[in-house]
Amino acid sequence: MSRRAFTLIELLVVIAIIAILIGLLLPAVQKVREAAARMKCQNNLKQLGLAIHNYHDANDALPAMTGNGCCWGTWAVLVLPYVEQDSAFRLYQNWGGNDSVNSNFPAPGAGTFPRYSGSPNTTNVTARRYSVLTCPSDQENAAFSSITNCNYAVCGGNGGTYKTPGPAPQPAGYGLMSGMFDGSVYNTVAGGAVHPPSKKTQLTDVGDGLTNTVMVGEVRQGQGRDVRGFIWWGDSSAMSTYYPPNTTSQDLVAAGLCIDQPAQGLPCSGAGGALHSARSKHTNGVDVALGDASVRFVSNSIDPNVWLWAGPINDGKVITLD
């Protein structure tokens, strides 16, 4: 009996067809994965928006951007109980204190004055990876001592985190204004006691309307010794609407704390100024949570002037975030 077998040409044709099918399917699979990642990212922002609103309901004010400048806690610690991380929140020590006065909040101190970067805060809180603070589209990073970088920062307005002006040349009509969070006002320690922030923003203070004011925006996790997305630290706890989303202009970071990677969408300068633009690895834009806790996808091609005025809460500009 004769035995039939594939010829070499037939085998090559089959392999070529399989390769073509894989080539056609791979982009579709990647698109499905990105769609799922973007949906998870939007869900994270929704949870954070609702958490901030729940904090406001419980405390009659928005959480302070920072506890006391750079190193004694940020808003990210305060919202933990509202994103099902109450146990972590209750273990954090010295939020709003300093190196010599312990706030005993939320957890009582034990003769030490830990910063966000010291034990036991690293072990219990800041070196942990939280799904709600991480966009699955981005690459995870821990910039220092396993302390995690994250993907969401509150909006400090249209300048730097500490209300520093935008870099020159400033756009026409630019006016430096605070957002729903203001890093230029934080706790002060005097007379051996820790005092609460002197300014507590309420939702009713947002004169421009909650539906057109950015509350939380996406940021990229800097890679290596790069503090972008390092929201446990004051400078990186906020983003700015000075530049449009995913701008090619550089983020302004303290010297030695960022790695300039323009080809990867992470341009930066170590000249200081604490100005972090909204960035993501999603196609053509970023996700944001607005002041009413709704989530919106904002295109990279948004009118720069519209985005500039989407950050401040009382600029009086009439805008529509379409």
Protein backbone atom coordinates (compact mmCIF):
# COMPACT_ATOMS: atom_id res chain seq x y z
CA MET A 1 0.00 0.00 0.00
CA SER A 2 1.17 3.52 -0.74
CA ARG A 3 1.60 5.86 2.27
CA ARG A 4 0.55 9.48 1.82
CA ALA A 5 2.55 12.21 3.60
CA PHE A 6 2.84 15.99 3.53
CA THR A 7 5.30 17.36 1.07
CA LEU A 8 7.72 20.03 2.22
CA ILE A 9 5.84 22.67 0.23
CA GLU A 10 2.52 21.72 1.85
CA LEU A 11 4.11 21.89 5.31
CA LEU A 12 5.55 25.32 4.61
CA VAL A 13 2.17 26.54 3.37
CA VAL A 14 0.47 25.33 6.56
CA ILE A 15 3.12 27.01 8.72
CA ALA A 16 2.71 30.23 6.73
CA ILE A 17 -1.07 30.17 7.19
CA ILE A 18 -0.69 29.60 10.94
CA ALA A 19 1.79 32.50 11.13
CA ILE A 20 -0.61 34.78 9.29
CA LEU A 21 -3.46 33.82 11.62
CA ILE A 22 -1.31 34.50 14.67
CA GLY A 23 -0.30 37.85 13.18
CA LEU A 24 -3.95 38.75 12.69
CA LEU A 25 -5.05 37.57 16.13
CA LEU A 26 -2.24 39.08 18.21
CA PRO A 27 -3.28 42.74 17.76
CA ALA A 28 -6.85 41.78 18.60
CA VAL A 29 -5.71 40.02 21.79
CA GLN A 30 -3.59 43.04 22.74
CA LYS A 31 -6.55 45.35 22.19
CA VAL A 32 -8.74 43.18 24.41
CA ARG A 33 -6.09 43.19 27.13
CA GLU A 34 -5.71 46.96 26.95
CA ALA A 35 -9.48 47.42 27.03
CA ALA A 36 -9.63 45.28 30.17
CA ALA A 37 -6.72 47.17 31.73
CA ARG A 38 -8.32 50.53 30.94
CA MET A 39 -11.61 49.36 32.45
CA LYS A 40 -9.76 48.32 35.63
CA CYS A 41 -8.01 51.69 35.68
CA GLN A 42 -11.31 53.54 35.38
CA ASN A 43 -12.75 51.40 38.16
CA ASN A 44 -9.78 52.30 40.37
CA LEU A 45 -10.38 56.00 39.76
CA LYS A 46 -14.07 55.57 40.51
CA GLN A 47 -13.22 53.92 43.83
CA LEU A 48 -10.77 56.70 44.69
CA GLY A 49 -13.30 59.38 43.76
CA LEU A 50 -15.96 57.80 45.96
CA ALA A 51 -13.40 57.30 48.74
CA ILE A 52 -12.56 61.00 48.72
CA HIS A 53 -16.26 61.87 48.79
CA ASN A 54 -16.82 59.47 51.70
CA TYR A 55 -13.90 61.05 53.55
CA HIS A 56 -15.46 64.45 52.92
CA ASP A 57 -18.80 63.25 54.29
CA ALA A 58 -17.14 61.92 57.43
CA ASN A 59 -14.83 64.90 58.02
CA ASP A 60 -16.66 67.81 56.39
CA ALA A 61 -13.60 68.50 54.21
CA LEU A 62 -11.41 66.92 51.58
CA PRO A 63 -8.31 65.10 52.84
CA ALA A 64 -5.21 67.27 53.08
CA MET A 65 -2.76 66.73 50.24
CA THR A 66 0.11 66.39 52.71
CA GLY A 67 0.31 65.97 56.46
CA ASN A 68 3.32 68.26 56.94
CA GLY A 69 5.33 69.05 53.85
CA CYS A 70 7.28 66.32 52.14
CA CYS A 71 7.54 63.44 54.51
CA TRP A 72 4.85 62.96 57.12
CA GLY A 73 1.98 61.46 55.21
CA THR A 74 -0.23 62.36 52.27
CA TRP A 75 -3.85 62.05 51.19
CA ALA A 76 -3.10 58.46 50.11
CA VAL A 77 -2.92 57.37 53.75
CA LEU A 78 -6.13 59.17 54.74
CA VAL A 79 -8.28 57.48 52.09
CA LEU A 80 -7.13 53.94 52.90
CA PRO A 81 -10.11 53.22 55.19
CA TYR A 82 -12.45 54.12 52.34
CA VAL A 83 -10.88 51.68 49.86
CA GLU A 84 -11.12 48.67 52.20
CA GLN A 85 -7.64 49.14 53.66
CA ASP A 86 -8.61 50.22 57.17
CA SER A 87 -6.15 47.81 58.80
CA ALA A 88 -3.22 49.42 56.97
CA PHE A 89 -4.45 52.91 57.87
CA ARG A 90 -4.65 52.08 61.58
CA LEU A 91 -1.01 50.96 61.59
CA TYR A 92 0.39 54.18 60.09
CA GLN A 93 2.32 56.34 62.57
CA ASN A 94 3.00 60.07 62.78
CA TRP A 95 0.81 61.38 59.95
CA GLY A 96 1.18 65.17 60.14
CA GLY A 97 3.97 65.11 62.70
CA ASN A 98 7.67 65.76 62.21
CA ASP A 99 11.07 64.44 63.29
CA SER A 100 10.64 65.56 66.90
CA VAL A 101 6.89 65.71 67.54
CA ASN A 102 4.77 62.58 67.06
CA SER A 103 1.18 63.22 66.03
CA ASN A 104 0.10 59.80 67.38
CA PHE A 105 -2.20 59.61 64.39
CA PRO A 106 -3.59 57.29 63.20
CA ALA A 107 -1.54 54.88 65.33
CA PRO A 108 0.09 55.94 68.61
CA GLY A 109 3.85 56.32 68.48
CA ALA A 110 6.31 54.34 70.53
CA GLY A 111 9.06 56.82 71.26
CA THR A 112 9.95 57.26 67.60
CA PHE A 113 9.01 59.78 64.91
CA PRO A 114 8.77 57.78 61.68
CA ARG A 115 8.42 59.38 58.28
CA TYR A 116 6.58 57.70 55.40
CA SER A 117 9.95 56.13 54.54
CA GLY A 118 10.76 54.72 57.97
CA SER A 119 9.75 51.65 59.90
CA PRO A 120 7.06 50.65 60.77
CA ASN A 121 5.32 52.74 58.08
CA THR A 122 7.21 51.04 55.28
CA THR A 123 6.43 47.55 56.54
CA ASN A 124 2.78 48.27 57.25
CA VAL A 125 1.77 50.74 54.54
CA THR A 126 4.06 52.42 52.02
CA ALA A 127 6.00 49.38 50.80
CA ARG A 128 2.80 47.50 50.01
CA ARG A 129 1.31 47.26 46.52
CA TYR A 130 -2.36 48.30 46.37
CA SER A 131 -4.44 47.26 43.39
CA VAL A 132 -6.64 50.35 43.69
CA LEU A 133 -3.57 52.59 43.32
CA THR A 134 -2.08 50.68 40.37
CA CYS A 135 -3.00 50.82 36.68
CA PRO A 136 -2.41 47.39 35.09
CA SER A 137 -1.31 49.04 31.83
CA ASP A 138 1.79 50.54 33.44
CA GLN A 139 5.00 48.90 34.64
CA GLU A 140 5.27 48.63 38.42
CA ASN A 141 8.23 50.18 40.22
CA ALA A 142 9.56 50.74 43.72
CA ALA A 143 11.86 53.75 43.65
CA PHE A 144 13.45 53.49 47.09
CA SER A 145 13.65 50.72 49.70
CA SER A 146 10.69 48.82 48.21
CA ILE A 147 8.35 51.81 48.71
CA THR A 148 5.83 51.55 45.89
CA ASN A 149 5.23 53.97 43.06
CA CYS A 150 1.55 54.34 42.11
CA ASN A 151 -0.56 55.56 39.19
CA TYR A 152 -3.00 58.10 40.61
CA ALA A 153 -2.38 61.55 42.07
CA VAL A 154 -4.78 64.22 43.27
CA CYS A 155 -5.01 67.46 41.29
CA GLY A 156 -3.11 70.36 42.83
CA GLY A 157 -4.28 72.84 40.19
CA ASN A 158 -2.43 74.23 37.19
CA GLY A 159 0.98 74.72 38.81
CA GLY A 160 3.41 72.65 40.83
CA THR A 161 2.42 70.59 43.85
CA TYR A 162 3.36 73.38 46.24
CA LYS A 163 1.67 76.06 44.15
CA THR A 164 4.83 76.87 42.25
CA PRO A 165 4.40 78.56 38.86
CA GLY A 166 4.47 76.63 35.62
CA PRO A 167 7.76 76.73 33.69
CA ALA A 168 8.42 79.47 31.16
CA PRO A 169 7.09 80.26 28.65
CA GLN A 170 3.75 80.42 30.40
CA PRO A 171 0.67 80.19 28.16
CA ALA A 172 -1.38 83.29 27.39
CA GLY A 173 -3.88 84.09 30.11
CA TYR A 174 -2.17 81.76 32.60
CA GLY A 175 -2.97 82.38 36.24
CA LEU A 176 -1.56 80.13 38.95
CA MET A 177 -4.41 78.67 41.01
CA SER A 178 -4.95 75.78 43.39
CA GLY A 179 -7.02 72.73 42.58
CA MET A 180 -9.24 70.65 44.83
CA PHE A 181 -6.04 69.88 46.74
CA ASP A 182 -3.49 72.47 47.80
CA GLY A 183 0.03 71.44 48.77
CA SER A 184 1.06 74.97 49.69
CA VAL A 185 -0.94 74.69 52.94
CA TYR A 186 -0.17 71.89 55.35
CA ASN A 187 0.21 71.10 59.03
CA THR A 188 2.48 73.19 61.18
CA VAL A 189 4.01 72.09 64.44
CA ALA A 190 4.35 74.66 67.21
CA GLY A 191 4.33 74.68 70.97
CA GLY A 192 4.88 70.94 71.16
CA ALA A 193 1.58 70.13 69.46
CA VAL A 194 0.55 69.15 65.97
CA HIS A 195 -2.08 71.41 64.46
CA PRO A 196 -4.46 70.46 61.65
CA PRO A 197 -4.05 72.05 58.22
CA SER A 198 -5.03 75.70 58.29
CA LYS A 199 -7.06 75.28 55.12
CA LYS A 200 -9.66 72.55 54.64
CA THR A 201 -11.20 72.51 51.18
CA GLN A 202 -14.84 71.55 50.95
CA LEU A 203 -16.78 70.46 47.88
CA THR A 204 -18.81 73.66 48.11
CA ASP A 205 -15.58 75.61 47.55
CA VAL A 206 -15.38 74.30 43.97
CA GLY A 207 -16.97 77.31 42.33
CA ASP A 208 -16.23 76.16 38.79
CA GLY A 209 -18.43 73.08 39.16
CA LEU A 210 -17.51 69.55 40.15
CA THR A 211 -18.26 68.08 36.72
CA ASN A 212 -15.56 70.15 34.99
CA THR A 213 -12.85 70.10 37.67
CA VAL A 214 -10.24 67.35 37.86
CA MET A 215 -9.99 65.68 41.28
CA VAL A 216 -7.68 62.70 40.61
CA GLY A 217 -5.61 62.02 37.51
CA GLU A 218 -3.42 59.28 36.11
CA VAL A 219 0.36 59.52 36.35
CA ARG A 220 3.05 57.12 35.17
CA GLN A 221 5.27 55.18 37.53
CA GLY A 222 8.82 56.37 37.01
CA GLN A 223 11.27 53.51 36.56
CA GLY A 224 14.32 52.95 38.72
CA ARG A 225 15.29 55.84 40.98
CA ASP A 226 12.40 57.95 39.74
CA VAL A 227 9.78 59.40 42.12
CA ARG A 228 7.00 60.01 39.62
CA GLY A 229 3.97 58.23 41.01
CA PHE A 230 5.68 58.12 44.43
CA ILE A 231 2.52 59.48 46.08
CA TRP A 232 3.58 58.70 49.65
CA TRP A 233 6.02 61.62 49.31
CA GLY A 234 4.64 65.16 49.24
CA ASP A 235 6.14 66.40 45.97
CA SER A 236 4.74 63.48 43.98
CA SER A 237 1.34 63.33 45.65
CA ALA A 238 -0.30 65.64 43.09
CA MET A 239 -0.53 66.16 39.34
CA SER A 240 -0.91 69.38 37.38
CA THR A 241 -3.00 70.50 34.41
CA TYR A 242 -0.31 72.92 33.23
CA TYR A 243 0.57 70.71 30.26
CA PRO A 244 -1.91 68.50 28.33
CA PRO A 245 -2.01 64.75 28.99
CA ASN A 246 1.04 62.76 27.90
CA THR A 247 2.87 65.93 26.96
CA THR A 248 6.36 65.74 25.50
CA SER A 249 7.34 68.57 27.86
CA GLN A 250 9.37 67.53 30.86
CA ASP A 251 8.02 66.85 34.33
CA LEU A 252 9.87 68.96 36.90
CA VAL A 253 11.39 66.84 39.66
CA ALA A 254 14.03 67.41 42.33
CA ALA A 255 17.61 66.77 41.25
CA GLY A 256 18.60 63.11 41.23
CA LEU A 257 15.03 61.87 41.64
CA CYS A 258 13.98 61.21 38.05
CA ILE A 259 15.29 59.50 34.94
CA ASP A 260 14.64 61.30 31.65
CA GLN A 261 13.05 58.75 29.29
CA PRO A 262 11.28 60.68 26.51
CA ALA A 263 11.16 57.66 24.20
CA GLN A 264 9.16 55.82 26.87
CA GLY A 265 6.81 58.76 27.43
CA LEU A 266 8.56 59.81 30.64
CA PRO A 267 10.46 63.04 29.92
CA CYS A 268 11.71 64.89 32.99
CA SER A 269 14.09 67.50 34.30
CA GLY A 270 15.83 67.42 37.66
CA ALA A 271 15.58 71.19 37.97
CA GLY A 272 12.93 71.00 40.72
CA GLY A 273 9.51 72.59 40.86
CA ALA A 274 7.41 69.48 41.57
CA LEU A 275 5.28 69.72 38.43
CA HIS A 276 3.94 66.32 37.34
CA SER A 277 1.78 66.05 34.23
CA ALA A 278 -1.01 63.53 33.69
CA ARG A 279 0.38 60.50 31.87
CA SER A 280 -0.69 56.96 31.03
CA LYS A 281 0.11 54.02 28.78
CA HIS A 282 -3.43 54.00 27.40
CA THR A 283 -3.81 54.87 23.74
CA ASN A 284 -4.27 58.60 23.05
CA GLY A 285 -5.14 59.88 26.51
CA VAL A 286 -5.56 59.49 30.27
CA ASP A 287 -8.35 58.64 32.67
CA VAL A 288 -9.37 61.15 35.35
CA ALA A 289 -11.88 61.30 38.18
CA LEU A 290 -13.74 64.61 38.24
CA GLY A 291 -14.97 66.44 41.29
CA ASP A 292 -18.30 64.63 41.28
CA ALA A 293 -16.44 61.27 41.29
CA SER A 294 -17.40 60.54 37.68
CA VAL A 295 -14.63 59.11 35.49
CA ARG A 296 -13.71 60.58 32.12
CA PHE A 297 -11.18 59.69 29.43
CA VAL A 298 -9.34 62.85 28.35
CA SER A 299 -7.67 62.87 24.94
CA ASN A 300 -4.08 63.98 24.42
CA SER A 301 -5.46 66.36 21.79
CA ILE A 302 -7.68 68.27 24.22
CA ASP A 303 -7.47 72.04 23.82
CA PRO A 304 -4.50 72.96 26.08
CA ASN A 305 -6.40 75.99 27.39
CA VAL A 306 -9.38 73.85 28.39
CA TRP A 307 -7.09 71.43 30.23
CA LEU A 308 -5.20 74.32 31.86
CA TRP A 309 -8.41 75.55 33.47
CA ALA A 310 -9.74 72.09 34.35
CA GLY A 311 -7.39 71.98 37.34
CA PRO A 312 -8.23 75.11 39.41
CA ILE A 313 -11.46 75.24 41.42
CA ASN A 314 -12.26 78.96 41.17
CA ASP A 315 -10.78 80.39 37.99
CA GLY A 316 -14.17 81.48 36.63
CA LYS A 317 -13.44 79.98 33.20
CA VAL A 318 -16.31 78.32 31.35
CA ILE A 319 -15.08 75.01 29.97
CA THR A 320 -16.51 71.67 28.88
CA LEU A 321 -14.42 68.52 29.18
CA ASP A 322 -15.59 66.74 26.04
